[in-house]
Amino acid sequence: MHTVRNESSEDPGDALAQYLSPRDLATRWSCSRTSAQRIAERAGFARYLLGQGRNGMVRYALAEIEAYERKNRFGAPGTARR
């Protein structure tokens, strides 16, 4: 009998936590899913597509979202509001 071990030091749950669905992003930003998708598209977020067609899922990288939030935070150093 062969034993299969996960050689990775990362917990598989951690890998899933590195991505957000459009619904999760909308919850995070307290807006509609379509608004979150529109903002993500305009910001140029990479879309990770899992599956195909109607059953496919879109995910966005949490690191990219957090970088966008830091850059666009109101009153952040180096940001000028018009």
C-alpha atoms as a PDB file:
ATOM      1  CA  MET A   1       0.000   0.000   0.000  1.00  0.00           C
ATOM      2  CA  HIS A   2       1.328   3.406  -0.984  1.00  0.00           C
ATOM      3  CA  THR A   3       0.916   6.421   1.234  1.00  0.00           C
ATOM      4  CA  VAL A   4       0.413   9.766  -0.489  1.00  0.00           C
ATOM      5  CA  ARG A   5       1.772  12.749   1.379  1.00  0.00           C
ATOM      6  CA  ASN A   6       1.307  16.386   0.651  1.00  0.00           C
ATOM      7  CA  GLU A   7       4.894  17.610   0.315  1.00  0.00           C
ATOM      8  CA  SER A   8       3.768  21.227   0.289  1.00  0.00           C
ATOM      9  CA  SER A   9       4.210  23.167   3.509  1.00  0.00           C
ATOM     10  CA  GLU A  10       1.038  25.086   2.726  1.00  0.00           C
ATOM     11  CA  ASP A  11      -2.365  24.066   3.993  1.00  0.00           C
ATOM     12  CA  PRO A  12      -4.689  23.491   0.991  1.00  0.00           C
ATOM     13  CA  GLY A  13      -7.211  25.775   2.692  1.00  0.00           C
ATOM     14  CA  ASP A  14      -4.643  28.584   2.606  1.00  0.00           C
ATOM     15  CA  ALA A  15      -4.436  28.343  -1.178  1.00  0.00           C
ATOM     16  CA  LEU A  16      -8.190  28.822  -1.467  1.00  0.00           C
ATOM     17  CA  ALA A  17      -8.062  31.830   0.852  1.00  0.00           C
ATOM     18  CA  GLN A  18      -5.734  33.576  -1.621  1.00  0.00           C
ATOM     19  CA  TYR A  19      -8.606  34.111  -4.069  1.00  0.00           C
ATOM     20  CA  LEU A  20     -12.023  35.773  -3.870  1.00  0.00           C
ATOM     21  CA  SER A  21     -15.140  35.197  -5.928  1.00  0.00           C
ATOM     22  CA  PRO A  22     -17.033  38.206  -7.308  1.00  0.00           C
ATOM     23  CA  ARG A  23     -19.635  37.627  -4.576  1.00  0.00           C
ATOM     24  CA  ASP A  24     -16.944  37.586  -1.857  1.00  0.00           C
ATOM     25  CA  LEU A  25     -15.430  40.762  -3.301  1.00  0.00           C
ATOM     26  CA  ALA A  26     -18.846  42.456  -3.308  1.00  0.00           C
ATOM     27  CA  THR A  27     -19.332  41.493   0.347  1.00  0.00           C
ATOM     28  CA  ARG A  28     -15.865  42.807   1.207  1.00  0.00           C
ATOM     29  CA  TRP A  29     -16.629  46.142  -0.477  1.00  0.00           C
ATOM     30  CA  SER A  30     -20.311  46.323   0.572  1.00  0.00           C
ATOM     31  CA  CYS A  31     -21.556  46.701  -2.981  1.00  0.00           C
ATOM     32  CA  SER A  32     -23.390  44.667  -5.594  1.00  0.00           C
ATOM     33  CA  ARG A  33     -21.686  41.789  -7.385  1.00  0.00           C
ATOM     34  CA  THR A  34     -21.951  43.616 -10.717  1.00  0.00           C
ATOM     35  CA  SER A  35     -20.328  46.740  -9.247  1.00  0.00           C
ATOM     36  CA  ALA A  36     -17.474  44.647  -7.845  1.00  0.00           C
ATOM     37  CA  GLN A  37     -16.990  42.968 -11.235  1.00  0.00           C
ATOM     38  CA  ARG A  38     -17.042  46.325 -13.048  1.00  0.00           C
ATOM     39  CA  ILE A  39     -14.464  47.837 -10.671  1.00  0.00           C
ATOM     40  CA  ALA A  40     -12.269  44.715 -10.952  1.00  0.00           C
ATOM     41  CA  GLU A  41     -12.426  44.887 -14.747  1.00  0.00           C
ATOM     42  CA  ARG A  42     -11.567  48.614 -14.849  1.00  0.00           C
ATOM     43  CA  ALA A  43      -8.727  48.071 -12.370  1.00  0.00           C
ATOM     44  CA  GLY A  44      -7.336  45.356 -14.627  1.00  0.00           C
ATOM     45  CA  PHE A  45      -7.520  42.512 -12.109  1.00  0.00           C
ATOM     46  CA  ALA A  46      -6.476  39.159 -13.519  1.00  0.00           C
ATOM     47  CA  ARG A  47      -9.429  36.779 -13.772  1.00  0.00           C
ATOM     48  CA  TYR A  48      -8.799  33.170 -12.871  1.00  0.00           C
ATOM     49  CA  LEU A  49     -11.385  31.003 -14.627  1.00  0.00           C
ATOM     50  CA  LEU A  50     -12.166  27.604 -13.163  1.00  0.00           C
ATOM     51  CA  GLY A  51     -14.336  25.385 -15.339  1.00  0.00           C
ATOM     52  CA  GLN A  52     -16.123  26.326 -18.533  1.00  0.00           C
ATOM     53  CA  GLY A  53     -19.376  27.848 -19.664  1.00  0.00           C
ATOM     54  CA  ARG A  54     -22.241  28.481 -17.286  1.00  0.00           C
ATOM     55  CA  ASN A  55     -20.678  26.252 -14.653  1.00  0.00           C
ATOM     56  CA  GLY A  56     -17.369  28.110 -14.695  1.00  0.00           C
ATOM     57  CA  MET A  57     -16.206  30.185 -11.755  1.00  0.00           C
ATOM     58  CA  VAL A  58     -14.253  33.443 -11.682  1.00  0.00           C
ATOM     59  CA  ARG A  59     -11.751  34.216  -8.938  1.00  0.00           C
ATOM     60  CA  TYR A  60      -9.577  37.257  -8.231  1.00  0.00           C
ATOM     61  CA  ALA A  61      -6.226  37.168  -6.429  1.00  0.00           C
ATOM     62  CA  LEU A  62      -6.493  38.527  -2.887  1.00  0.00           C
ATOM     63  CA  ALA A  63      -2.995  40.068  -3.126  1.00  0.00           C
ATOM     64  CA  GLU A  64      -4.083  42.083  -6.164  1.00  0.00           C
ATOM     65  CA  ILE A  65      -7.255  43.231  -4.389  1.00  0.00           C
ATOM     66  CA  GLU A  66      -5.314  44.285  -1.292  1.00  0.00           C
ATOM     67  CA  ALA A  67      -2.790  46.230  -3.412  1.00  0.00           C
ATOM     68  CA  TYR A  68      -5.666  48.034  -5.157  1.00  0.00           C
ATOM     69  CA  GLU A  69      -7.264  48.869  -1.798  1.00  0.00           C
ATOM     70  CA  ARG A  70      -3.990  50.264  -0.414  1.00  0.00           C
ATOM     71  CA  LYS A  71      -3.417  52.358  -3.538  1.00  0.00           C
ATOM     72  CA  ASN A  72      -6.965  53.735  -3.549  1.00  0.00           C
ATOM     73  CA  ARG A  73      -7.471  54.229   0.166  1.00  0.00           C
ATOM     74  CA  PHE A  74      -8.806  57.687   0.929  1.00  0.00           C
ATOM     75  CA  GLY A  75      -6.098  59.757   2.575  1.00  0.00           C
ATOM     76  CA  ALA A  76      -3.318  57.317   1.685  1.00  0.00           C
ATOM     77  CA  PRO A  77       0.111  58.938   1.346  1.00  0.00           C
ATOM     78  CA  GLY A  78       0.802  59.967  -2.239  1.00  0.00           C
ATOM     79  CA  THR A  79      -2.842  59.899  -3.300  1.00  0.00           C
ATOM     80  CA  ALA A  80      -4.551  63.067  -4.370  1.00  0.00           C
ATOM     81  CA  ARG A  81      -8.325  63.154  -4.502  1.00  0.00           C
ATOM     82  CA  ARG A  82      -9.963  65.260  -7.154  1.00  0.00           C
END
